[in-house]
Amino acid sequence: MSVISHTADEVAEWMLHEVKDKGILHQAAAVEHIKSHFGESFIYVNEHGNASIDKEVKKAFRKLHRGKAAWERDGFFWGWS
């Protein structure tokens, strides 16, 4: 039995698809989906004690959306602009 290994780029592509398709992606929902579909290695606990998405994933996501998705700090979600 082989283990499927995912990349930060694959996770970022999923995030981009979600934001484009639904117009919004809440961080909490993204964290849960990423954990269960891509693995816990793409999640870490930040300095505030909250589950967050790996920095490499966020970097790849920024590269993919090229400024078309905006982070809404107060609502903890990305929105398509």
PDB file of N, CA and C in Angstrom:
ATOM      1  N   MET A   1       0.842  -1.183   0.000  1.00  0.00           N
ATOM      2  CA  MET A   1       0.000   0.000   0.000  1.00  0.00           C
ATOM      3  C   MET A   1       0.888   1.248   0.000  1.00  0.00           C
ATOM      4  N   SER A   2       0.616   2.170  -0.910  1.00  0.00           N
ATOM      5  CA  SER A   2       1.436   3.382  -0.980  1.00  0.00           C
ATOM      6  C   SER A   2       0.733   4.541  -0.286  1.00  0.00           C
ATOM      7  N   VAL A   3       1.543   5.403   0.261  1.00  0.00           N
ATOM      8  CA  VAL A   3       1.026   6.592   0.940  1.00  0.00           C
ATOM      9  C   VAL A   3       1.126   7.762  -0.034  1.00  0.00           C
ATOM     10  N   ILE A   4       0.029   8.486  -0.206  1.00  0.00           N
ATOM     11  CA  ILE A   4       0.040   9.641  -1.100  1.00  0.00           C
ATOM     12  C   ILE A   4       0.621  10.831  -0.345  1.00  0.00           C
ATOM     13  N   SER A   5       1.616  11.425  -0.947  1.00  0.00           N
ATOM     14  CA  SER A   5       2.258  12.579  -0.338  1.00  0.00           C
ATOM     15  C   SER A   5       1.848  13.835  -1.110  1.00  0.00           C
ATOM     16  N   HIS A   6       1.300  14.796  -0.416  1.00  0.00           N
ATOM     17  CA  HIS A   6       0.843  16.030  -1.050  1.00  0.00           C
ATOM     18  C   HIS A   6       1.898  17.122  -0.920  1.00  0.00           C
ATOM     19  N   THR A   7       1.740  18.157  -1.723  1.00  0.00           N
ATOM     20  CA  THR A   7       2.670  19.285  -1.682  1.00  0.00           C
ATOM     21  C   THR A   7       1.919  20.552  -1.263  1.00  0.00           C
ATOM     22  N   ALA A   8       2.675  21.545  -0.852  1.00  0.00           N
ATOM     23  CA  ALA A   8       2.096  22.843  -0.495  1.00  0.00           C
ATOM     24  C   ALA A   8       1.365  23.436  -1.696  1.00  0.00           C
ATOM     25  N   ASP A   9       1.891  23.214  -2.898  1.00  0.00           N
ATOM     26  CA  ASP A   9       1.247  23.729  -4.110  1.00  0.00           C
ATOM     27  C   ASP A   9      -0.126  23.110  -4.318  1.00  0.00           C
ATOM     28  N   GLU A  10      -0.269  21.822  -4.046  1.00  0.00           N
ATOM     29  CA  GLU A  10      -1.569  21.157  -4.192  1.00  0.00           C
ATOM     30  C   GLU A  10      -2.589  21.732  -3.207  1.00  0.00           C
ATOM     31  N   VAL A  11      -2.147  21.971  -1.990  1.00  0.00           N
ATOM     32  CA  VAL A  11      -3.035  22.553  -0.978  1.00  0.00           C
ATOM     33  C   VAL A  11      -3.450  23.963  -1.415  1.00  0.00           C
ATOM     34  N   ALA A  12      -2.485  24.740  -1.897  1.00  0.00           N
ATOM     35  CA  ALA A  12      -2.757  26.105  -2.362  1.00  0.00           C
ATOM     36  C   ALA A  12      -3.726  26.096  -3.547  1.00  0.00           C
ATOM     37  N   GLU A  13      -3.583  25.131  -4.446  1.00  0.00           N
ATOM     38  CA  GLU A  13      -4.490  25.023  -5.590  1.00  0.00           C
ATOM     39  C   GLU A  13      -5.913  24.731  -5.116  1.00  0.00           C
ATOM     40  N   TRP A  14      -6.049  23.867  -4.103  1.00  0.00           N
ATOM     41  CA  TRP A  14      -7.375  23.597  -3.546  1.00  0.00           C
ATOM     42  C   TRP A  14      -7.963  24.886  -2.965  1.00  0.00           C
ATOM     43  N   MET A  15      -7.151  25.624  -2.205  1.00  0.00           N
ATOM     44  CA  MET A  15      -7.616  26.876  -1.601  1.00  0.00           C
ATOM     45  C   MET A  15      -8.081  27.858  -2.679  1.00  0.00           C
ATOM     46  N   LEU A  16      -7.287  28.004  -3.738  1.00  0.00           N
ATOM     47  CA  LEU A  16      -7.640  28.912  -4.830  1.00  0.00           C
ATOM     48  C   LEU A  16      -8.974  28.498  -5.452  1.00  0.00           C
ATOM     49  N   HIS A  17      -9.142  27.218  -5.706  1.00  0.00           N
ATOM     50  CA  HIS A  17     -10.388  26.718  -6.289  1.00  0.00           C
ATOM     51  C   HIS A  17     -11.579  27.049  -5.382  1.00  0.00           C
ATOM     52  N   GLU A  18     -11.412  26.843  -4.085  1.00  0.00           N
ATOM     53  CA  GLU A  18     -12.495  27.125  -3.133  1.00  0.00           C
ATOM     54  C   GLU A  18     -12.886  28.595  -3.137  1.00  0.00           C
ATOM     55  N   VAL A  19     -11.890  29.481  -3.095  1.00  0.00           N
ATOM     56  CA  VAL A  19     -12.183  30.917  -3.052  1.00  0.00           C
ATOM     57  C   VAL A  19     -12.825  31.372  -4.364  1.00  0.00           C
ATOM     58  N   LYS A  20     -12.299  30.883  -5.489  1.00  0.00           N
ATOM     59  CA  LYS A  20     -12.875  31.252  -6.789  1.00  0.00           C
ATOM     60  C   LYS A  20     -14.303  30.732  -6.907  1.00  0.00           C
ATOM     61  N   ASP A  21     -14.514  29.491  -6.509  1.00  0.00           N
ATOM     62  CA  ASP A  21     -15.801  28.823  -6.666  1.00  0.00           C
ATOM     63  C   ASP A  21     -16.873  29.382  -5.727  1.00  0.00           C
ATOM     64  N   LYS A  22     -16.500  29.599  -4.459  1.00  0.00           N
ATOM     65  CA  LYS A  22     -17.478  30.002  -3.446  1.00  0.00           C
ATOM     66  C   LYS A  22     -17.418  31.483  -3.098  1.00  0.00           C
ATOM     67  N   GLY A  23     -16.346  32.152  -3.512  1.00  0.00           N
ATOM     68  CA  GLY A  23     -16.194  33.575  -3.233  1.00  0.00           C
ATOM     69  C   GLY A  23     -15.596  33.880  -1.873  1.00  0.00           C
ATOM     70  N   ILE A  24     -15.501  32.848  -1.028  1.00  0.00           N
ATOM     71  CA  ILE A  24     -15.013  33.045   0.342  1.00  0.00           C
ATOM     72  C   ILE A  24     -14.470  31.717   0.860  1.00  0.00           C
ATOM     73  N   LEU A  25     -13.433  31.794   1.688  1.00  0.00           N
ATOM     74  CA  LEU A  25     -12.891  30.597   2.328  1.00  0.00           C
ATOM     75  C   LEU A  25     -12.517  30.963   3.760  1.00  0.00           C
ATOM     76  N   HIS A  26     -13.258  30.417   4.717  1.00  0.00           N
ATOM     77  CA  HIS A  26     -12.979  30.669   6.129  1.00  0.00           C
ATOM     78  C   HIS A  26     -11.782  29.845   6.574  1.00  0.00           C
ATOM     79  N   GLN A  27     -10.912  30.457   7.345  1.00  0.00           N
ATOM     80  CA  GLN A  27      -9.709  29.769   7.795  1.00  0.00           C
ATOM     81  C   GLN A  27     -10.034  28.486   8.565  1.00  0.00           C
ATOM     82  N   ALA A  28     -11.011  28.520   9.470  1.00  0.00           N
ATOM     83  CA  ALA A  28     -11.340  27.332  10.273  1.00  0.00           C
ATOM     84  C   ALA A  28     -11.762  26.161   9.383  1.00  0.00           C
ATOM     85  N   ALA A  29     -12.568  26.439   8.371  1.00  0.00           N
ATOM     86  CA  ALA A  29     -13.009  25.384   7.442  1.00  0.00           C
ATOM     87  C   ALA A  29     -11.834  24.882   6.613  1.00  0.00           C
ATOM     88  N   ALA A  30     -10.976  25.798   6.188  1.00  0.00           N
ATOM     89  CA  ALA A  30      -9.800  25.419   5.407  1.00  0.00           C
ATOM     90  C   ALA A  30      -8.868  24.530   6.228  1.00  0.00           C
ATOM     91  N   VAL A  31      -8.641  24.905   7.481  1.00  0.00           N
ATOM     92  CA  VAL A  31      -7.772  24.115   8.363  1.00  0.00           C
ATOM     93  C   VAL A  31      -8.309  22.690   8.504  1.00  0.00           C
ATOM     94  N   GLU A  32      -9.603  22.555   8.738  1.00  0.00           N
ATOM     95  CA  GLU A  32     -10.203  21.222   8.902  1.00  0.00           C
ATOM     96  C   GLU A  32     -10.091  20.395   7.625  1.00  0.00           C
ATOM     97  N   HIS A  33     -10.378  21.015   6.487  1.00  0.00           N
ATOM     98  CA  HIS A  33     -10.302  20.304   5.209  1.00  0.00           C
ATOM     99  C   HIS A  33      -8.860  19.887   4.909  1.00  0.00           C
ATOM    100  N   ILE A  34      -7.935  20.813   5.101  1.00  0.00           N
ATOM    101  CA  ILE A  34      -6.521  20.527   4.827  1.00  0.00           C
ATOM    102  C   ILE A  34      -6.036  19.392   5.716  1.00  0.00           C
ATOM    103  N   LYS A  35      -6.377  19.445   7.004  1.00  0.00           N
ATOM    104  CA  LYS A  35      -5.985  18.382   7.941  1.00  0.00           C
ATOM    105  C   LYS A  35      -6.489  17.024   7.475  1.00  0.00           C
ATOM    106  N   SER A  36      -7.770  16.945   7.124  1.00  0.00           N
ATOM    107  CA  SER A  36      -8.359  15.649   6.796  1.00  0.00           C
ATOM    108  C   SER A  36      -8.051  15.169   5.381  1.00  0.00           C
ATOM    109  N   HIS A  37      -7.771  16.081   4.436  1.00  0.00           N
ATOM    110  CA  HIS A  37      -7.533  15.661   3.056  1.00  0.00           C
ATOM    111  C   HIS A  37      -6.070  15.703   2.613  1.00  0.00           C
ATOM    112  N   PHE A  38      -5.272  16.543   3.243  1.00  0.00           N
ATOM    113  CA  PHE A  38      -3.879  16.687   2.835  1.00  0.00           C
ATOM    114  C   PHE A  38      -2.883  16.299   3.933  1.00  0.00           C
ATOM    115  N   GLY A  39      -3.328  16.317   5.183  1.00  0.00           N
ATOM    116  CA  GLY A  39      -2.459  15.916   6.282  1.00  0.00           C
ATOM    117  C   GLY A  39      -2.123  17.053   7.232  1.00  0.00           C
ATOM    118  N   GLU A  40      -1.825  16.654   8.461  1.00  0.00           N
ATOM    119  CA  GLU A  40      -1.535  17.626   9.527  1.00  0.00           C
ATOM    120  C   GLU A  40      -0.237  18.386   9.317  1.00  0.00           C
ATOM    121  N   SER A  41       0.622  17.910   8.420  1.00  0.00           N
ATOM    122  CA  SER A  41       1.905  18.595   8.213  1.00  0.00           C
ATOM    123  C   SER A  41       1.721  19.987   7.615  1.00  0.00           C
ATOM    124  N   PHE A  42       0.546  20.286   7.077  1.00  0.00           N
ATOM    125  CA  PHE A  42       0.275  21.595   6.494  1.00  0.00           C
ATOM    126  C   PHE A  42      -0.401  22.549   7.471  1.00  0.00           C
ATOM    127  N   ILE A  43      -0.518  22.127   8.720  1.00  0.00           N
ATOM    128  CA  ILE A  43      -1.154  22.931   9.766  1.00  0.00           C
ATOM    129  C   ILE A  43      -0.176  23.094  10.929  1.00  0.00           C
ATOM    130  N   TYR A  44      -0.186  24.256  11.554  1.00  0.00           N
ATOM    131  CA  TYR A  44       0.623  24.467  12.757  1.00  0.00           C
ATOM    132  C   TYR A  44      -0.183  25.323  13.729  1.00  0.00           C
ATOM    133  N   VAL A  45       0.266  25.384  14.966  1.00  0.00           N
ATOM    134  CA  VAL A  45      -0.390  26.222  15.964  1.00  0.00           C
ATOM    135  C   VAL A  45       0.404  27.523  16.053  1.00  0.00           C
ATOM    136  N   ASN A  46      -0.278  28.644  15.810  1.00  0.00           N
ATOM    137  CA  ASN A  46       0.417  29.940  15.806  1.00  0.00           C
ATOM    138  C   ASN A  46       0.651  30.453  17.228  1.00  0.00           C
ATOM    139  N   GLU A  47       1.254  31.647  17.310  1.00  0.00           N
ATOM    140  CA  GLU A  47       1.617  32.217  18.620  1.00  0.00           C
ATOM    141  C   GLU A  47       0.406  32.542  19.488  1.00  0.00           C
ATOM    142  N   HIS A  48      -0.792  32.598  18.895  1.00  0.00           N
ATOM    143  CA  HIS A  48      -2.015  32.860  19.657  1.00  0.00           C
ATOM    144  C   HIS A  48      -2.724  31.574  20.069  1.00  0.00           C
ATOM    145  N   GLY A  49      -2.106  30.432  19.729  1.00  0.00           N
ATOM    146  CA  GLY A  49      -2.690  29.144  20.099  1.00  0.00           C
ATOM    147  C   GLY A  49      -3.750  28.636  19.131  1.00  0.00           C
ATOM    148  N   ASN A  50      -3.844  29.269  17.954  1.00  0.00           N
ATOM    149  CA  ASN A  50      -4.839  28.869  16.968  1.00  0.00           C
ATOM    150  C   ASN A  50      -4.216  28.022  15.856  1.00  0.00           C
ATOM    151  N   ALA A  51      -4.993  27.084  15.332  1.00  0.00           N
ATOM    152  CA  ALA A  51      -4.534  26.292  14.192  1.00  0.00           C
ATOM    153  C   ALA A  51      -4.449  27.213  12.984  1.00  0.00           C
ATOM    154  N   SER A  52      -3.346  27.123  12.267  1.00  0.00           N
ATOM    155  CA  SER A  52      -3.123  27.983  11.110  1.00  0.00           C
ATOM    156  C   SER A  52      -2.557  27.157   9.964  1.00  0.00           C
ATOM    157  N   ILE A  53      -2.596  27.731   8.777  1.00  0.00           N
ATOM    158  CA  ILE A  53      -2.120  27.056   7.574  1.00  0.00           C
ATOM    159  C   ILE A  53      -0.638  27.352   7.390  1.00  0.00           C
ATOM    160  N   ASP A  54       0.099  26.314   7.044  1.00  0.00           N
ATOM    161  CA  ASP A  54       1.545  26.385   6.849  1.00  0.00           C
ATOM    162  C   ASP A  54       1.952  27.578   5.978  1.00  0.00           C
ATOM    163  N   LYS A  55       3.043  28.220   6.346  1.00  0.00           N
ATOM    164  CA  LYS A  55       3.514  29.405   5.635  1.00  0.00           C
ATOM    165  C   LYS A  55       3.839  29.119   4.166  1.00  0.00           C
ATOM    166  N   GLU A  56       4.364  27.935   3.867  1.00  0.00           N
ATOM    167  CA  GLU A  56       4.677  27.580   2.476  1.00  0.00           C
ATOM    168  C   GLU A  56       3.399  27.478   1.642  1.00  0.00           C
ATOM    169  N   VAL A  57       2.332  26.977   2.248  1.00  0.00           N
ATOM    170  CA  VAL A  57       1.039  26.889   1.557  1.00  0.00           C
ATOM    171  C   VAL A  57       0.526  28.295   1.276  1.00  0.00           C
ATOM    172  N   LYS A  58       0.592  29.167   2.278  1.00  0.00           N
ATOM    173  CA  LYS A  58       0.103  30.536   2.094  1.00  0.00           C
ATOM    174  C   LYS A  58       0.932  31.277   1.038  1.00  0.00           C
ATOM    175  N   LYS A  59       2.234  31.024   1.011  1.00  0.00           N
ATOM    176  CA  LYS A  59       3.106  31.642   0.013  1.00  0.00           C
ATOM    177  C   LYS A  59       2.701  31.177  -1.395  1.00  0.00           C
ATOM    178  N   ALA A  60       2.481  29.874  -1.555  1.00  0.00           N
ATOM    179  CA  ALA A  60       2.058  29.322  -2.848  1.00  0.00           C
ATOM    180  C   ALA A  60       0.680  29.862  -3.239  1.00  0.00           C
ATOM    181  N   PHE A  61      -0.213  29.996  -2.260  1.00  0.00           N
ATOM    182  CA  PHE A  61      -1.555  30.517  -2.500  1.00  0.00           C
ATOM    183  C   PHE A  61      -1.490  31.959  -3.007  1.00  0.00           C
ATOM    184  N   ARG A  62      -0.649  32.783  -2.367  1.00  0.00           N
ATOM    185  CA  ARG A  62      -0.489  34.182  -2.804  1.00  0.00           C
ATOM    186  C   ARG A  62       0.012  34.244  -4.248  1.00  0.00           C
ATOM    187  N   LYS A  63       0.950  33.367  -4.567  1.00  0.00           N
ATOM    188  CA  LYS A  63       1.502  33.325  -5.915  1.00  0.00           C
ATOM    189  C   LYS A  63       0.415  32.957  -6.928  1.00  0.00           C
ATOM    190  N   LEU A  64      -0.444  32.025  -6.566  1.00  0.00           N
ATOM    191  CA  LEU A  64      -1.506  31.571  -7.464  1.00  0.00           C
ATOM    192  C   LEU A  64      -2.598  32.617  -7.669  1.00  0.00           C
ATOM    193  N   HIS A  65      -3.040  33.273  -6.599  1.00  0.00           N
ATOM    194  CA  HIS A  65      -4.163  34.207  -6.747  1.00  0.00           C
ATOM    195  C   HIS A  65      -3.739  35.579  -7.261  1.00  0.00           C
ATOM    196  N   ARG A  66      -2.442  35.877  -7.218  1.00  0.00           N
ATOM    197  CA  ARG A  66      -1.881  37.119  -7.759  1.00  0.00           C
ATOM    198  C   ARG A  66      -2.668  38.361  -7.363  1.00  0.00           C
ATOM    199  N   GLY A  67      -3.008  38.461  -6.087  1.00  0.00           N
ATOM    200  CA  GLY A  67      -3.671  39.659  -5.573  1.00  0.00           C
ATOM    201  C   GLY A  67      -5.185  39.664  -5.727  1.00  0.00           C
ATOM    202  N   LYS A  68      -5.752  38.587  -6.238  1.00  0.00           N
ATOM    203  CA  LYS A  68      -7.202  38.561  -6.465  1.00  0.00           C
ATOM    204  C   LYS A  68      -7.990  38.036  -5.270  1.00  0.00           C
ATOM    205  N   ALA A  69      -7.293  37.512  -4.273  1.00  0.00           N
ATOM    206  CA  ALA A  69      -7.949  37.087  -3.033  1.00  0.00           C
ATOM    207  C   ALA A  69      -7.413  37.975  -1.913  1.00  0.00           C
ATOM    208  N   ALA A  70      -8.306  38.411  -1.055  1.00  0.00           N
ATOM    209  CA  ALA A  70      -7.907  39.295   0.044  1.00  0.00           C
ATOM    210  C   ALA A  70      -8.220  38.623   1.376  1.00  0.00           C
ATOM    211  N   TRP A  71      -7.308  38.777   2.328  1.00  0.00           N
ATOM    212  CA  TRP A  71      -7.501  38.234   3.675  1.00  0.00           C
ATOM    213  C   TRP A  71      -8.292  39.247   4.485  1.00  0.00           C
ATOM    214  N   GLU A  72      -9.388  38.811   5.056  1.00  0.00           N
ATOM    215  CA  GLU A  72     -10.214  39.655   5.922  1.00  0.00           C
ATOM    216  C   GLU A  72      -9.840  39.320   7.362  1.00  0.00           C
ATOM    217  N   ARG A  73      -8.991  40.133   7.940  1.00  0.00           N
ATOM    218  CA  ARG A  73      -8.421  39.885   9.267  1.00  0.00           C
ATOM    219  C   ARG A  73      -9.483  39.734  10.356  1.00  0.00           C
ATOM    220  N   ASP A  74     -10.513  40.578  10.337  1.00  0.00           N
ATOM    221  CA  ASP A  74     -11.538  40.526  11.384  1.00  0.00           C
ATOM    222  C   ASP A  74     -12.414  39.277  11.294  1.00  0.00           C
ATOM    223  N   GLY A  75     -12.644  38.785  10.074  1.00  0.00           N
ATOM    224  CA  GLY A  75     -13.523  37.629   9.904  1.00  0.00           C
ATOM    225  C   GLY A  75     -12.786  36.314   9.727  1.00  0.00           C
ATOM    226  N   PHE A  76     -11.449  36.366   9.656  1.00  0.00           N
ATOM    227  CA  PHE A  76     -10.622  35.173   9.459  1.00  0.00           C
ATOM    228  C   PHE A  76     -11.033  34.380   8.221  1.00  0.00           C
ATOM    229  N   PHE A  77     -11.104  35.092   7.076  1.00  0.00           N
ATOM    230  CA  PHE A  77     -11.396  34.404   5.813  1.00  0.00           C
ATOM    231  C   PHE A  77     -10.740  35.127   4.653  1.00  0.00           C
ATOM    232  N   TRP A  78     -10.649  34.410   3.527  1.00  0.00           N
ATOM    233  CA  TRP A  78     -10.196  34.993   2.277  1.00  0.00           C
ATOM    234  C   TRP A  78     -11.421  35.231   1.424  1.00  0.00           C
ATOM    235  N   GLY A  79     -11.438  36.331   0.722  1.00  0.00           N
ATOM    236  CA  GLY A  79     -12.532  36.638  -0.191  1.00  0.00           C
ATOM    237  C   GLY A  79     -11.973  36.919  -1.571  1.00  0.00           C
ATOM    238  N   TRP A  80     -12.723  36.572  -2.595  1.00  0.00           N
ATOM    239  CA  TRP A  80     -12.313  36.806  -3.975  1.00  0.00           C
ATOM    240  C   TRP A  80     -12.683  38.232  -4.346  1.00  0.00           C
ATOM    241  N   SER A  81     -11.736  38.954  -4.932  1.00  0.00           N
ATOM    242  CA  SER A  81     -12.019  40.356  -5.282  1.00  0.00           C
ATOM    243  C   SER A  81     -12.163  40.543  -6.777  1.00  0.00           C
TER     244      SER A  81
END
